Each structure stands twice: as structure tokens, then as C-alpha cells.
């Protein structure tokens, strides 16, 4: 395998494993041995499904604005804000009027995200 296979672009819509999470919410997934990146795009006012998983998750808002719903609280986030979601804490995201793009980091990688498909899993 060439080292070039280890380089990716946030702006290449064809890079990564595509997954449709909900109406207006898609992600491109990049999995390694011990961590996984997920570049999530939310259409204006789109919202994911409240869900949880055992993996720890970190997120950073790259573009737009959103409300992070986590552990029963709704927290407004803006470009540059980042957060940690411990395993098994219910969470989702609701995009603002201009939509949003989020980089999520999972450790360990989520098994259900290692293949194309749809939904958040549980």
C-alpha cells in the first residue's frame, strides 16, 4: 500500500466511506486501527436521531452552527467549538439555518461504521 493511500481531504466529496445517517445528514468515514474519523454534513435545520454507542466520541464544528443535544441538554455550538461524548451517553446534532459540518473522532472505531449503509446504529 502506498503512503498516499493514508492522505485524505475534507473537501473531496468522494473520499472516504459514505453513509447516510438521516434525512439531510451524511458522513464520510475514515477508519484506522485504533481511531475513526467521520466528516458529517448536515443540511440546514437537519437533525440526526438521538442515539448512543459504547465508543468515546469527540467532535469539532468545522462550519456552520448547530445545537448539540447530549445527555439531556441542548448546547449551542459555533465554528471551532469541540466536545467530548463519553460512551453510552445519548446524543445528536441539529444544524442551524446555514447547515453544519462536523468532524467526529471515535475510539475505538465503531464496527457498524466500517461499511457503507445508513443509520447511526445503536
Protein backbone atom coordinates (compact mmCIF):
# COMPACT_ATOMS: atom_id res chain seq x y z
CA UNK A 1 0.00 0.00 0.00
CA UNK A 2 1.31 3.43 -0.96
CA UNK A 3 1.62 6.08 1.74
CA UNK A 4 -0.56 8.27 -0.50
CA UNK A 5 -3.46 5.99 0.50
CA UNK A 6 -3.09 7.37 4.03
CA UNK A 7 -3.80 11.00 2.95
CA UNK A 8 -7.31 12.40 2.60
CA UNK A 9 -9.17 15.68 2.05
CA UNK A 10 -12.09 17.16 3.98
CA UNK A 11 -13.19 18.83 0.75
CA UNK A 12 -13.22 15.77 -1.53
CA UNK A 13 -16.84 14.51 -1.54
CA UNK A 14 -15.69 11.15 -2.99
CA UNK A 15 -13.08 10.44 -0.31
CA UNK A 16 -13.99 8.03 2.48
CA UNK A 17 -16.80 5.55 3.02
CA UNK A 18 -20.18 7.25 2.51
CA UNK A 19 -23.01 6.64 4.95
CA UNK A 20 -26.44 8.29 5.11
CA UNK A 21 -27.30 8.81 8.76
CA UNK A 22 -30.70 10.53 8.49
CA UNK A 23 -32.61 12.82 6.11
CA UNK A 24 -30.18 15.63 5.26
CA UNK A 25 -27.35 14.08 7.31
CA UNK A 26 -24.48 12.21 5.61
CA UNK A 27 -21.00 11.23 6.66
CA UNK A 28 -17.73 10.17 5.10
CA UNK A 29 -15.83 7.70 7.30
CA UNK A 30 -12.10 7.10 7.60
CA UNK A 31 -11.13 4.16 9.80
CA UNK A 32 -7.78 3.28 11.30
CA UNK A 33 -6.75 0.56 13.71
CA UNK A 34 -7.45 2.49 16.93
CA UNK A 35 -9.44 5.56 15.89
CA UNK A 36 -12.04 6.55 13.32
CA UNK A 37 -12.86 9.93 11.76
CA UNK A 38 -16.31 10.82 10.48
CA UNK A 39 -16.91 14.01 8.47
CA UNK A 40 -20.63 14.74 8.95
CA UNK A 41 -22.55 17.16 6.74
CA UNK A 42 -25.94 18.44 7.94
CA UNK A 43 -28.32 20.33 5.64
CA UNK A 44 -29.91 23.50 7.06
CA UNK A 45 -32.06 22.59 10.10
CA UNK A 46 -31.40 18.85 9.61
CA UNK A 47 -31.19 16.72 12.72
CA UNK A 48 -29.79 13.31 13.47
CA UNK A 49 -31.51 10.66 15.54
CA UNK A 50 -30.89 10.56 19.28
CA UNK A 51 -28.60 7.57 19.74
CA UNK A 52 -25.75 6.17 21.84
CA UNK A 53 -22.85 3.77 21.42
CA UNK A 54 -20.11 2.40 23.69
CA UNK A 55 -17.27 4.19 21.89
CA UNK A 56 -15.93 7.51 23.16
CA UNK A 57 -16.57 10.34 20.67
CA UNK A 58 -15.00 13.76 20.20
CA UNK A 59 -16.48 16.31 17.80
CA UNK A 60 -15.49 19.70 16.37
CA UNK A 61 -17.75 22.05 14.45
CA UNK A 62 -15.90 22.87 11.21
CA UNK A 63 -18.57 25.03 9.53
CA UNK A 64 -21.99 26.49 10.26
CA UNK A 65 -23.82 26.44 13.56
CA UNK A 66 -25.69 23.78 15.47
CA UNK A 67 -27.26 22.63 18.71
CA UNK A 68 -25.51 19.66 20.33
CA UNK A 69 -28.02 17.54 22.21
CA UNK A 70 -26.12 15.49 24.75
CA UNK A 71 -27.09 13.83 28.00
CA UNK A 72 -30.45 15.62 28.08
CA UNK A 73 -29.01 19.11 27.49
CA UNK A 74 -29.12 21.32 24.38
CA UNK A 75 -25.87 23.24 23.91
CA UNK A 76 -25.37 25.78 21.08
CA UNK A 77 -22.05 25.33 19.24
CA UNK A 78 -20.27 27.52 16.71
CA UNK A 79 -17.35 27.05 14.33
CA UNK A 80 -14.27 25.97 16.27
CA UNK A 81 -16.13 24.58 19.30
CA UNK A 82 -15.37 20.98 20.22
CA UNK A 83 -16.73 18.49 22.73
CA UNK A 84 -16.35 15.01 24.19
CA UNK A 85 -19.16 12.47 24.41
CA UNK A 86 -18.41 9.59 26.78
CA UNK A 87 -19.56 6.13 25.73
CA UNK A 88 -23.28 5.34 26.09
CA UNK A 89 -24.37 8.98 26.56
CA UNK A 90 -27.41 9.74 24.33
CA UNK A 91 -26.64 12.47 21.79
CA UNK A 92 -27.47 14.03 18.42
CA UNK A 93 -26.98 17.28 16.48
CA UNK A 94 -29.38 19.83 14.99
CA UNK A 95 -27.97 22.13 12.31
CA UNK A 96 -28.58 25.85 12.21
CA UNK A 97 -30.05 27.80 9.26
CA UNK A 98 -26.86 27.53 7.17
CA UNK A 99 -26.28 23.83 7.90
CA UNK A 100 -23.18 22.42 9.56
CA UNK A 101 -20.12 20.26 9.03
CA UNK A 102 -18.68 18.32 11.94
CA UNK A 103 -15.57 16.20 12.37
CA UNK A 104 -16.24 13.33 14.77
CA UNK A 105 -13.46 11.15 16.19
CA UNK A 106 -14.27 7.73 17.66
CA UNK A 107 -12.11 5.48 19.78
CA UNK A 108 -12.14 2.62 19.29
CA UNK A 109 -13.56 2.58 15.72
CA UNK A 110 -17.29 1.84 15.52
CA UNK A 111 -17.81 -1.58 13.87
CA UNK A 112 -21.09 -0.55 12.18
CA UNK A 113 -19.32 2.40 10.52
CA UNK A 114 -16.77 0.19 8.76
CA UNK A 115 -19.22 -0.44 5.92
CA UNK A 116 -21.39 1.73 3.72
CA UNK A 117 -25.03 1.89 4.63
CA UNK A 118 -27.45 4.04 6.53
CA UNK A 119 -28.40 4.91 10.09
CA UNK A 120 -26.49 5.62 13.27
CA UNK A 121 -26.56 2.12 14.72
CA UNK A 122 -27.15 1.82 18.47
